Structures are given as C-alpha cells and as structure tokens.
Amino acid sequence: MRFFWTFFWTFLLVQMINYVVSSMIGTAFDLKTGSILAVAATILIFIVASIIPEGPSEKEAIH
C-alpha cells in the first residue's frame, strides 16, 4: 500500500505542476509527460527514503 499511495500523491502533484507550468509557458498540457515525470519522481522518493537512516546514530544518542 505504501508504494501505491506514494505514487498516487506524486502523480497528482506532478500533474498539477505540469498543468500550471504548461499554462504559464503557453504550451498544451501533456498527460504523458507528467506521467513519466511522476514515475521518475516516485522512484527518486523511494531511493532517497532508503538512503536516509531511520533513527538517530549512536553518536547522537550518547551525550
């Protein structure tokens, strides 16, 4: 479920950004471009989440 909801919200947010930016620069809205960017952003989110440690390190825990 975590993968689905992450992709769902990323898809919606990227499509909104795609719509606003395409309107600002005067081009047509393209769902395919937004979808490709949403998949790439979702993969990037999971990569960054796997790199970041889950808890404090031992140096931070000992004072």
PDB file of N, CA and C in Angstrom:
ATOM      1  N   MET A   1       0.821  -1.196   0.000  1.00  0.00           N
ATOM      2  CA  MET A   1       0.000   0.000   0.000  1.00  0.00           C
ATOM      3  C   MET A   1       0.865   1.260   0.000  1.00  0.00           C
ATOM      4  N   ARG A   2       2.022   1.175   0.656  1.00  0.00           N
ATOM      5  CA  ARG A   2       2.898   2.338   0.737  1.00  0.00           C
ATOM      6  C   ARG A   2       3.305   2.792  -0.661  1.00  0.00           C
ATOM      7  N   PHE A   3       3.595   1.848  -1.553  1.00  0.00           N
ATOM      8  CA  PHE A   3       4.006   2.193  -2.909  1.00  0.00           C
ATOM      9  C   PHE A   3       2.857   2.831  -3.679  1.00  0.00           C
ATOM     10  N   PHE A   4       1.661   2.294  -3.506  1.00  0.00           N
ATOM     11  CA  PHE A   4       0.510   2.828  -4.225  1.00  0.00           C
ATOM     12  C   PHE A   4       0.225   4.263  -3.824  1.00  0.00           C
ATOM     13  N   TRP A   5       0.150   4.540  -2.515  1.00  0.00           N
ATOM     14  CA  TRP A   5      -0.195   5.881  -2.069  1.00  0.00           C
ATOM     15  C   TRP A   5       0.894   6.887  -2.406  1.00  0.00           C
ATOM     16  N   THR A   6       2.138   6.458  -2.335  1.00  0.00           N
ATOM     17  CA  THR A   6       3.217   7.362  -2.720  1.00  0.00           C
ATOM     18  C   THR A   6       3.097   7.722  -4.190  1.00  0.00           C
ATOM     19  N   PHE A   7       2.850   6.719  -5.045  1.00  0.00           N
ATOM     20  CA  PHE A   7       2.694   7.005  -6.463  1.00  0.00           C
ATOM     21  C   PHE A   7       1.443   7.839  -6.728  1.00  0.00           C
ATOM     22  N   PHE A   8       0.364   7.541  -6.035  1.00  0.00           N
ATOM     23  CA  PHE A   8      -0.887   8.273  -6.233  1.00  0.00           C
ATOM     24  C   PHE A   8      -0.700   9.761  -5.986  1.00  0.00           C
ATOM     25  N   TRP A   9      -0.135  10.109  -4.819  1.00  0.00           N
ATOM     26  CA  TRP A   9       0.022  11.519  -4.485  1.00  0.00           C
ATOM     27  C   TRP A   9       1.092  12.182  -5.343  1.00  0.00           C
ATOM     28  N   THR A  10       2.151  11.462  -5.652  1.00  0.00           N
ATOM     29  CA  THR A  10       3.172  12.016  -6.539  1.00  0.00           C
ATOM     30  C   THR A  10       2.589  12.280  -7.916  1.00  0.00           C
ATOM     31  N   PHE A  11       1.773  11.344  -8.410  1.00  0.00           N
ATOM     32  CA  PHE A  11       1.140  11.502  -9.720  1.00  0.00           C
ATOM     33  C   PHE A  11       0.263  12.753  -9.736  1.00  0.00           C
ATOM     34  N   LEU A  12      -0.567  12.922  -8.720  1.00  0.00           N
ATOM     35  CA  LEU A  12      -1.441  14.094  -8.675  1.00  0.00           C
ATOM     36  C   LEU A  12      -0.657  15.407  -8.604  1.00  0.00           C
ATOM     37  N   LEU A  13       0.340  15.442  -7.735  1.00  0.00           N
ATOM     38  CA  LEU A  13       1.114  16.675  -7.577  1.00  0.00           C
ATOM     39  C   LEU A  13       1.916  17.016  -8.826  1.00  0.00           C
ATOM     40  N   VAL A  14       2.499  16.013  -9.464  1.00  0.00           N
ATOM     41  CA  VAL A  14       3.270  16.270 -10.682  1.00  0.00           C
ATOM     42  C   VAL A  14       2.351  16.715 -11.813  1.00  0.00           C
ATOM     43  N   GLN A  15       1.160  16.136 -11.897  1.00  0.00           N
ATOM     44  CA  GLN A  15       0.219  16.558 -12.941  1.00  0.00           C
ATOM     45  C   GLN A  15      -0.223  18.001 -12.718  1.00  0.00           C
ATOM     46  N   MET A  16      -0.427  18.380 -11.462  1.00  0.00           N
ATOM     47  CA  MET A  16      -0.797  19.779 -11.178  1.00  0.00           C
ATOM     48  C   MET A  16       0.331  20.727 -11.556  1.00  0.00           C
ATOM     49  N   ILE A  17       1.561  20.371 -11.203  1.00  0.00           N
ATOM     50  CA  ILE A  17       2.708  21.198 -11.564  1.00  0.00           C
ATOM     51  C   ILE A  17       2.848  21.272 -13.078  1.00  0.00           C
ATOM     52  N   ASN A  18       2.669  20.144 -13.739  1.00  0.00           N
ATOM     53  CA  ASN A  18       2.752  20.090 -15.202  1.00  0.00           C
ATOM     54  C   ASN A  18       1.704  20.998 -15.834  1.00  0.00           C
ATOM     55  N   TYR A  19       0.501  20.987 -15.312  1.00  0.00           N
ATOM     56  CA  TYR A  19      -0.572  21.831 -15.846  1.00  0.00           C
ATOM     57  C   TYR A  19      -0.265  23.320 -15.672  1.00  0.00           C
ATOM     58  N   VAL A  20       0.180  23.685 -14.482  1.00  0.00           N
ATOM     59  CA  VAL A  20       0.464  25.091 -14.203  1.00  0.00           C
ATOM     60  C   VAL A  20       1.624  25.591 -15.059  1.00  0.00           C
ATOM     61  N   VAL A  21       2.692  24.813 -15.125  1.00  0.00           N
ATOM     62  CA  VAL A  21       3.858  25.239 -15.899  1.00  0.00           C
ATOM     63  C   VAL A  21       3.528  25.310 -17.384  1.00  0.00           C
ATOM     64  N   SER A  22       2.792  24.336 -17.903  1.00  0.00           N
ATOM     65  CA  SER A  22       2.441  24.391 -19.326  1.00  0.00           C
ATOM     66  C   SER A  22       1.528  25.581 -19.621  1.00  0.00           C
ATOM     67  N   SER A  23       0.670  25.939 -18.686  1.00  0.00           N
ATOM     68  CA  SER A  23      -0.171  27.126 -18.874  1.00  0.00           C
ATOM     69  C   SER A  23       0.653  28.405 -18.843  1.00  0.00           C
ATOM     70  N   MET A  24       1.637  28.449 -17.972  1.00  0.00           N
ATOM     71  CA  MET A  24       2.460  29.648 -17.855  1.00  0.00           C
ATOM     72  C   MET A  24       3.325  29.891 -19.082  1.00  0.00           C
ATOM     73  N   ILE A  25       3.807  28.805 -19.698  1.00  0.00           N
ATOM     74  CA  ILE A  25       4.672  28.997 -20.862  1.00  0.00           C
ATOM     75  C   ILE A  25       3.889  28.937 -22.177  1.00  0.00           C
ATOM     76  N   GLY A  26       2.583  28.682 -22.094  1.00  0.00           N
ATOM     77  CA  GLY A  26       1.737  28.749 -23.268  1.00  0.00           C
ATOM     78  C   GLY A  26       1.750  27.518 -24.164  1.00  0.00           C
ATOM     79  N   THR A  27       2.049  26.354 -23.607  1.00  0.00           N
ATOM     80  CA  THR A  27       2.017  25.120 -24.394  1.00  0.00           C
ATOM     81  C   THR A  27       0.827  24.277 -23.972  1.00  0.00           C
ATOM     82  N   ALA A  28       0.578  23.239 -24.737  1.00  0.00           N
ATOM     83  CA  ALA A  28      -0.539  22.344 -24.438  1.00  0.00           C
ATOM     84  C   ALA A  28      -0.171  21.406 -23.289  1.00  0.00           C
ATOM     85  N   PHE A  29      -1.161  21.062 -22.480  1.00  0.00           N
ATOM     86  CA  PHE A  29      -0.975  20.117 -21.377  1.00  0.00           C
ATOM     87  C   PHE A  29      -0.773  18.727 -21.958  1.00  0.00           C
ATOM     88  N   ASP A  30       0.252  18.015 -21.482  1.00  0.00           N
ATOM     89  CA  ASP A  30       0.547  16.672 -21.976  1.00  0.00           C
ATOM     90  C   ASP A  30       0.559  15.699 -20.800  1.00  0.00           C
ATOM     91  N   LEU A  31      -0.438  14.820 -20.765  1.00  0.00           N
ATOM     92  CA  LEU A  31      -0.556  13.850 -19.675  1.00  0.00           C
ATOM     93  C   LEU A  31       0.610  12.869 -19.666  1.00  0.00           C
ATOM     94  N   LYS A  32       1.103  12.510 -20.842  1.00  0.00           N
ATOM     95  CA  LYS A  32       2.185  11.528 -20.936  1.00  0.00           C
ATOM     96  C   LYS A  32       3.467  12.047 -20.282  1.00  0.00           C
ATOM     97  N   THR A  33       3.795  13.294 -20.524  1.00  0.00           N
ATOM     98  CA  THR A  33       4.994  13.876 -19.921  1.00  0.00           C
ATOM     99  C   THR A  33       4.882  13.902 -18.400  1.00  0.00           C
ATOM    100  N   GLY A  34       3.738  14.293 -17.898  1.00  0.00           N
ATOM    101  CA  GLY A  34       3.527  14.302 -16.458  1.00  0.00           C
ATOM    102  C   GLY A  34       3.591  12.914 -15.846  1.00  0.00           C
ATOM    103  N   SER A  35       3.087  11.929 -16.569  1.00  0.00           N
ATOM    104  CA  SER A  35       3.119  10.555 -16.069  1.00  0.00           C
ATOM    105  C   SER A  35       4.545  10.027 -15.979  1.00  0.00           C
ATOM    106  N   ILE A  36       5.343  10.324 -16.988  1.00  0.00           N
ATOM    107  CA  ILE A  36       6.747   9.895 -16.966  1.00  0.00           C
ATOM    108  C   ILE A  36       7.487  10.575 -15.818  1.00  0.00           C
ATOM    109  N   LEU A  37       7.240  11.864 -15.635  1.00  0.00           N
ATOM    110  CA  LEU A  37       7.869  12.577 -14.525  1.00  0.00           C
ATOM    111  C   LEU A  37       7.401  12.047 -13.170  1.00  0.00           C
ATOM    112  N   ALA A  38       6.134  11.655 -13.064  1.00  0.00           N
ATOM    113  CA  ALA A  38       5.609  11.118 -11.807  1.00  0.00           C
ATOM    114  C   ALA A  38       6.272   9.792 -11.457  1.00  0.00           C
ATOM    115  N   VAL A  39       6.469   8.942 -12.445  1.00  0.00           N
ATOM    116  CA  VAL A  39       7.148   7.661 -12.193  1.00  0.00           C
ATOM    117  C   VAL A  39       8.591   7.914 -11.762  1.00  0.00           C
ATOM    118  N   ALA A  40       9.274   8.814 -12.448  1.00  0.00           N
ATOM    119  CA  ALA A  40      10.653   9.134 -12.087  1.00  0.00           C
ATOM    120  C   ALA A  40      10.739   9.737 -10.680  1.00  0.00           C
ATOM    121  N   ALA A  41       9.811  10.620 -10.341  1.00  0.00           N
ATOM    122  CA  ALA A  41       9.807  11.234  -9.012  1.00  0.00           C
ATOM    123  C   ALA A  41       9.516  10.196  -7.926  1.00  0.00           C
ATOM    124  N   THR A  42       8.608   9.258  -8.208  1.00  0.00           N
ATOM    125  CA  THR A  42       8.302   8.214  -7.235  1.00  0.00           C
ATOM    126  C   THR A  42       9.521   7.341  -6.976  1.00  0.00           C
ATOM    127  N   ILE A  43      10.222   6.962  -8.030  1.00  0.00           N
ATOM    128  CA  ILE A  43      11.439   6.158  -7.870  1.00  0.00           C
ATOM    129  C   ILE A  43      12.482   6.933  -7.072  1.00  0.00           C
ATOM    130  N   LEU A  44      12.631   8.216  -7.368  1.00  0.00           N
ATOM    131  CA  LEU A  44      13.580   9.051  -6.635  1.00  0.00           C
ATOM    132  C   LEU A  44      13.210   9.164  -5.158  1.00  0.00           C
ATOM    133  N   ILE A  45      11.936   9.276  -4.859  1.00  0.00           N
ATOM    134  CA  ILE A  45      11.478   9.344  -3.462  1.00  0.00           C
ATOM    135  C   ILE A  45      11.848   8.073  -2.709  1.00  0.00           C
ATOM    136  N   PHE A  46      11.644   6.910  -3.338  1.00  0.00           N
ATOM    137  CA  PHE A  46      11.980   5.655  -2.662  1.00  0.00           C
ATOM    138  C   PHE A  46      13.486   5.462  -2.514  1.00  0.00           C
ATOM    139  N   ILE A  47      14.264   5.941  -3.463  1.00  0.00           N
ATOM    140  CA  ILE A  47      15.721   5.857  -3.336  1.00  0.00           C
ATOM    141  C   ILE A  47      16.203   6.725  -2.185  1.00  0.00           C
ATOM    142  N   VAL A  48      15.713   7.948  -2.122  1.00  0.00           N
ATOM    143  CA  VAL A  48      16.117   8.857  -1.039  1.00  0.00           C
ATOM    144  C   VAL A  48      15.658   8.314   0.314  1.00  0.00           C
ATOM    145  N   ALA A  49      14.459   7.753   0.365  1.00  0.00           N
ATOM    146  CA  ALA A  49      13.952   7.200   1.633  1.00  0.00           C
ATOM    147  C   ALA A  49      14.773   5.999   2.093  1.00  0.00           C
ATOM    148  N   SER A  50      15.323   5.222   1.174  1.00  0.00           N
ATOM    149  CA  SER A  50      16.133   4.074   1.575  1.00  0.00           C
ATOM    150  C   SER A  50      17.533   4.496   2.008  1.00  0.00           C
ATOM    151  N   ILE A  51      18.011   5.642   1.544  1.00  0.00           N
ATOM    152  CA  ILE A  51      19.343   6.121   1.909  1.00  0.00           C
ATOM    153  C   ILE A  51      19.346   6.786   3.286  1.00  0.00           C
ATOM    154  N   ILE A  52      18.286   7.509   3.610  1.00  0.00           N
ATOM    155  CA  ILE A  52      18.211   8.229   4.881  1.00  0.00           C
ATOM    156  C   ILE A  52      18.069   7.228   6.033  1.00  0.00           C
ATOM    157  N   PRO A  53      18.882   7.364   7.089  1.00  0.00           N
ATOM    158  CA  PRO A  53      18.757   6.444   8.225  1.00  0.00           C
ATOM    159  C   PRO A  53      17.429   6.645   8.956  1.00  0.00           C
ATOM    160  N   GLU A  54      16.942   5.559   9.551  1.00  0.00           N
ATOM    161  CA  GLU A  54      15.630   5.607  10.198  1.00  0.00           C
ATOM    162  C   GLU A  54      15.668   6.203  11.594  1.00  0.00           C
ATOM    163  N   GLY A  55      16.758   6.031  12.306  1.00  0.00           N
ATOM    164  CA  GLY A  55      16.834   6.537  13.669  1.00  0.00           C
ATOM    165  C   GLY A  55      18.098   7.329  13.884  1.00  0.00           C
ATOM    166  N   PRO A  56      18.261   7.854  15.092  1.00  0.00           N
ATOM    167  CA  PRO A  56      19.480   8.605  15.380  1.00  0.00           C
ATOM    168  C   PRO A  56      20.693   7.680  15.434  1.00  0.00           C
ATOM    169  N   SER A  57      21.832   8.203  15.059  1.00  0.00           N
ATOM    170  CA  SER A  57      23.048   7.402  15.122  1.00  0.00           C
ATOM    171  C   SER A  57      23.497   7.288  16.577  1.00  0.00           C
ATOM    172  N   GLU A  58      24.467   6.405  16.822  1.00  0.00           N
ATOM    173  CA  GLU A  58      24.915   6.197  18.200  1.00  0.00           C
ATOM    174  C   GLU A  58      25.624   7.428  18.741  1.00  0.00           C
ATOM    175  N   LYS A  59      26.272   8.184  17.891  1.00  0.00           N
ATOM    176  CA  LYS A  59      26.953   9.399  18.342  1.00  0.00           C
ATOM    177  C   LYS A  59      25.959  10.421  18.847  1.00  0.00           C
ATOM    178  N   GLU A  60      24.813  10.504  18.188  1.00  0.00           N
ATOM    179  CA  GLU A  60      23.792  11.461  18.605  1.00  0.00           C
ATOM    180  C   GLU A  60      23.058  10.995  19.863  1.00  0.00           C
ATOM    181  N   ALA A  61      22.960   9.688  20.060  1.00  0.00           N
ATOM    182  CA  ALA A  61      22.203   9.155  21.195  1.00  0.00           C
ATOM    183  C   ALA A  61      22.987   9.286  22.503  1.00  0.00           C
ATOM    184  N   ILE A  62      24.309   9.248  22.431  1.00  0.00           N
ATOM    185  CA  ILE A  62      25.144   9.324  23.631  1.00  0.00           C
ATOM    186  C   ILE A  62      25.566  10.759  23.863  1.00  0.00           C
ATOM    187  N   HIS A  63      25.211  11.294  25.015  1.00  0.00           N
ATOM    188  CA  HIS A  63      25.597  12.683  25.347  1.00  0.00           C
ATOM    189  C   HIS A  63      26.374  12.708  26.619  1.00  0.00           C
TER     190      HIS A  63
END
